[in-house]
Structures are given as structure tokens and as C-alpha cells.
């Protein structure tokens, strides 16, 4: 009898515990909008773009130089194959083709090395300037969630459907932009 009473009381506590648990509160955030409207983040993006812009301009000049070498090479190659020219002129054109091919290889190698350096510069800017601000955005989401008693925050782009009432993006943007 004592065992039955203990089992009954235990089952009542278990059932009562299940009913006493609160339902989790869920919210969503539009991550892209938060970063687009986060003033410090956009300033950092412009700073990174500004540091990369001269490098991109130099790469553009290098690509134009390569294109000019290719065009010159095609013209000289056509000249080297022209049967109307004398043997000496064709030999001279073939030597010029070889010279242009060597220039082209050097220019392409230089461009590839420069491109790698540009990628490293952009990645360093991302790491130094943008990553800390992205972390601040995550912390702001956490602060807003804790303030509103939210248990779970999901990015909107991974949710099939969510009511607009669940979105806390505006509150997060306000926190981020207020904490200049």
C-alpha cells in the first residue's frame, strides 16, 4: 500500500511539473537588415572598401596591361605568319612574339600574386574591422532576448514562416546604434 501511495504521489508531481513548465518564447531577427542598419558596421564596411579600392584599381591597370600585351601579340603573330613578308621580317616577328609571350607570363604571375595579396588585405580588414562588430550584433541580440524574456532567437532567412510580431530586429538595431 505504501508503494502504491508513493508511486501515486510521484506521478502527480511529475504531471504537475510538466504542466508547470513554461512554453519557450521564440523570436526572429533579420540579420542582413541589422547589419545594413547598424551604423558602425556600415562605416567599417566603407573603411574596408576604401582600403581595398586602390588595390583593385591597380589590379585593373595590370589587367589592362595584360590585354594590351595579348593584342600586340596577336598582331605580331599574324605578321610572323604572313607569307608576303621576307624571311628576315618573319623571323624578327617570331622573336617579338616570343618576347611578348615572356612579358605576358610575367604580367600574369604578377597579377596573380597581387590578387592574392589583395585577398589577404580584404580578409584582414574583415577580421579586424567587421568581425568585432558582428560579435557586438550577436551580443545585442542576446541582450534584447534576455530583456524580453526570449528563450530562442532564429535568423529569418532560415525560417519558413514567422509572424511579424516575433521579429526583434528593430530593437536590436536600436541597441546597436545607441551604443556608439
Protein backbone atom coordinates (compact mmCIF):
# COMPACT_ATOMS: atom_id res chain seq x y z
CA UNK A 1 0.00 0.00 0.00
CA UNK A 2 2.85 2.34 0.84
CA UNK A 3 4.44 1.64 -2.54
CA UNK A 4 1.23 2.47 -4.38
CA UNK A 5 0.81 5.72 -2.45
CA UNK A 6 4.43 6.71 -3.15
CA UNK A 7 4.06 5.89 -6.85
CA UNK A 8 0.80 7.87 -6.99
CA UNK A 9 2.30 10.94 -5.32
CA UNK A 10 5.40 10.74 -7.52
CA UNK A 11 3.29 10.56 -10.67
CA UNK A 12 1.24 13.58 -9.50
CA UNK A 13 4.44 15.59 -9.03
CA UNK A 14 5.71 14.56 -12.48
CA UNK A 15 2.45 15.52 -14.17
CA UNK A 16 2.29 18.79 -12.24
CA UNK A 17 5.91 19.50 -13.23
CA UNK A 18 5.07 19.00 -16.89
CA UNK A 19 2.15 21.43 -16.68
CA UNK A 20 4.22 23.95 -14.72
CA UNK A 21 6.91 24.25 -17.42
CA UNK A 22 6.51 27.40 -19.44
CA UNK A 23 6.39 27.27 -23.20
CA UNK A 24 9.61 28.58 -24.79
CA UNK A 25 9.41 32.10 -26.17
CA UNK A 26 10.75 32.36 -29.71
CA UNK A 27 11.73 35.41 -31.77
CA UNK A 28 13.31 36.09 -35.15
CA UNK A 29 15.84 38.61 -36.44
CA UNK A 30 16.64 39.81 -39.92
CA UNK A 31 20.44 39.55 -39.75
CA UNK A 32 21.05 41.33 -43.06
CA UNK A 33 18.83 44.24 -42.08
CA UNK A 34 20.51 44.52 -38.70
CA UNK A 35 23.95 44.76 -40.31
CA UNK A 36 22.68 47.14 -43.03
CA UNK A 37 21.13 49.46 -40.43
CA UNK A 38 23.99 49.18 -37.91
CA UNK A 39 25.80 52.48 -38.44
CA UNK A 40 29.19 51.42 -37.06
CA UNK A 41 29.15 48.27 -39.19
CA UNK A 42 28.39 50.23 -42.36
CA UNK A 43 31.17 52.70 -41.52
CA UNK A 44 33.55 49.76 -41.11
CA UNK A 45 32.41 48.28 -44.43
CA UNK A 46 33.19 51.59 -46.13
CA UNK A 47 36.58 51.71 -44.42
CA UNK A 48 37.44 48.20 -45.64
CA UNK A 49 36.22 49.04 -49.17
CA UNK A 50 38.33 52.21 -49.07
CA UNK A 51 41.46 50.29 -48.14
CA UNK A 52 40.86 47.74 -50.89
CA UNK A 53 39.88 50.26 -53.61
CA UNK A 54 43.45 51.33 -54.52
CA UNK A 55 44.47 47.70 -54.77
CA UNK A 56 41.53 46.93 -57.05
CA UNK A 57 42.43 49.94 -59.20
CA UNK A 58 46.00 48.66 -59.51
CA UNK A 59 44.71 45.20 -60.48
CA UNK A 60 42.55 46.81 -63.14
CA UNK A 61 45.62 48.55 -64.58
CA UNK A 62 47.52 45.26 -64.54
CA UNK A 63 44.67 43.52 -66.39
CA UNK A 64 44.61 46.30 -68.99
CA UNK A 65 48.37 45.85 -69.47
CA UNK A 66 47.88 42.11 -69.96
CA UNK A 67 45.15 42.79 -72.50
CA UNK A 68 47.45 45.19 -74.38
CA UNK A 69 50.19 42.53 -74.47
CA UNK A 70 47.71 39.96 -75.81
CA UNK A 71 46.51 42.33 -78.54
CA UNK A 72 50.08 43.22 -79.52
CA UNK A 73 50.97 39.52 -79.52
CA UNK A 74 48.12 38.68 -81.88
CA UNK A 75 49.17 41.41 -84.29
CA UNK A 76 52.82 40.34 -84.29
CA UNK A 77 51.85 36.67 -84.60
CA UNK A 78 49.75 37.48 -87.67
CA UNK A 79 52.74 39.34 -89.06
CA UNK A 80 55.00 36.33 -88.39
CA UNK A 81 52.64 34.09 -90.37
CA UNK A 82 52.33 36.49 -93.30
CA UNK A 83 53.86 34.73 -96.34
CA UNK A 84 54.15 38.04 -98.18
CA UNK A 85 56.90 39.17 -95.79
CA UNK A 86 60.51 38.27 -96.26
CA UNK A 87 62.17 35.58 -94.19
CA UNK A 88 64.04 38.16 -92.09
CA UNK A 89 60.88 40.10 -91.25
CA UNK A 90 59.05 36.91 -90.28
CA UNK A 91 61.97 35.79 -88.08
CA UNK A 92 62.00 39.20 -86.44
CA UNK A 93 58.23 38.94 -85.82
CA UNK A 94 58.65 35.44 -84.33
CA UNK A 95 61.28 36.81 -81.94
CA UNK A 96 58.90 39.61 -81.00
CA UNK A 97 56.13 37.03 -80.35
CA UNK A 98 58.43 35.11 -78.01
CA UNK A 99 59.33 38.33 -76.22
CA UNK A 100 55.65 39.26 -75.80
CA UNK A 101 54.81 35.76 -74.53
CA UNK A 102 57.50 36.11 -71.86
CA UNK A 103 56.12 39.54 -70.91
CA UNK A 104 52.63 38.07 -70.74
CA UNK A 105 53.71 35.28 -68.42
CA UNK A 106 55.48 37.72 -66.11
CA UNK A 107 52.48 40.08 -66.09
CA UNK A 108 50.06 37.23 -65.33
CA UNK A 109 52.27 35.98 -62.49
CA UNK A 110 52.49 39.49 -61.06
CA UNK A 111 48.72 39.89 -61.29
CA UNK A 112 48.11 36.56 -59.53
CA UNK A 113 50.49 37.49 -56.71
CA UNK A 114 48.92 40.90 -56.39
CA UNK A 115 45.45 39.35 -56.37
CA UNK A 116 46.46 37.04 -53.52
CA UNK A 117 47.79 40.00 -51.54
CA UNK A 118 44.53 41.86 -52.17
CA UNK A 119 42.51 38.91 -50.90
CA UNK A 120 44.66 38.78 -47.78
CA UNK A 121 44.15 42.50 -47.25
CA UNK A 122 40.37 42.14 -47.60
CA UNK A 123 40.33 39.17 -45.22
CA UNK A 124 42.41 41.09 -42.69
CA UNK A 125 40.00 44.02 -42.94
CA UNK A 126 37.10 41.62 -42.40
CA UNK A 127 38.82 40.15 -39.36
CA UNK A 128 39.94 43.45 -37.83
CA UNK A 129 37.04 45.74 -38.66
CA UNK A 130 33.89 43.71 -39.32
CA UNK A 131 34.16 40.60 -37.13
CA UNK A 132 34.16 42.53 -33.81
CA UNK A 133 31.08 44.46 -34.92
CA UNK A 134 29.34 41.25 -35.96
CA UNK A 135 30.08 39.93 -32.48
CA UNK A 136 28.55 43.09 -30.98
CA UNK A 137 25.45 42.46 -33.07
CA UNK A 138 25.18 38.93 -31.65
CA UNK A 139 25.59 40.34 -28.14
CA UNK A 140 22.87 42.92 -28.83
CA UNK A 141 20.51 40.14 -29.97
CA UNK A 142 21.28 38.28 -26.76
CA UNK A 143 20.68 41.41 -24.64
CA UNK A 144 17.34 42.14 -26.30
CA UNK A 145 16.30 38.49 -25.97
CA UNK A 146 17.15 38.44 -22.27
CA UNK A 147 15.38 41.76 -21.73
CA UNK A 148 12.21 40.48 -23.39
CA UNK A 149 12.35 37.01 -21.82
CA UNK A 150 13.00 35.30 -25.13
CA UNK A 151 14.42 31.78 -24.99
CA UNK A 152 15.30 31.25 -28.66
CA UNK A 153 16.16 33.67 -31.48
CA UNK A 154 16.30 32.44 -35.08
CA UNK A 155 17.53 34.22 -38.20
CA UNK A 156 14.59 34.98 -40.50
CA UNK A 157 16.26 33.55 -43.60
CA UNK A 158 16.25 30.04 -42.07
CA UNK A 159 12.60 30.08 -41.00
CA UNK A 160 9.85 29.06 -43.38
CA UNK A 161 7.26 31.25 -41.67
CA UNK A 162 7.20 33.52 -38.64
CA UNK A 163 4.70 36.12 -37.53
CA UNK A 164 5.95 39.69 -37.78
CA UNK A 165 5.18 40.02 -34.08
CA UNK A 166 8.10 37.69 -33.36
CA UNK A 167 10.70 39.89 -35.08
CA UNK A 168 13.02 41.85 -32.76
CA UNK A 169 15.30 43.34 -35.43
CA UNK A 170 14.23 46.94 -34.72
CA UNK A 171 15.02 46.58 -31.03
CA UNK A 172 18.44 45.10 -31.82
CA UNK A 173 19.24 47.90 -34.29
CA UNK A 174 18.23 50.47 -31.67
CA UNK A 175 20.55 48.88 -29.10
CA UNK A 176 23.46 48.72 -31.55
CA UNK A 177 23.14 52.28 -32.79
CA UNK A 178 22.61 53.66 -29.28
CA UNK A 179 25.87 52.09 -28.07
CA UNK A 180 28.20 54.21 -30.16
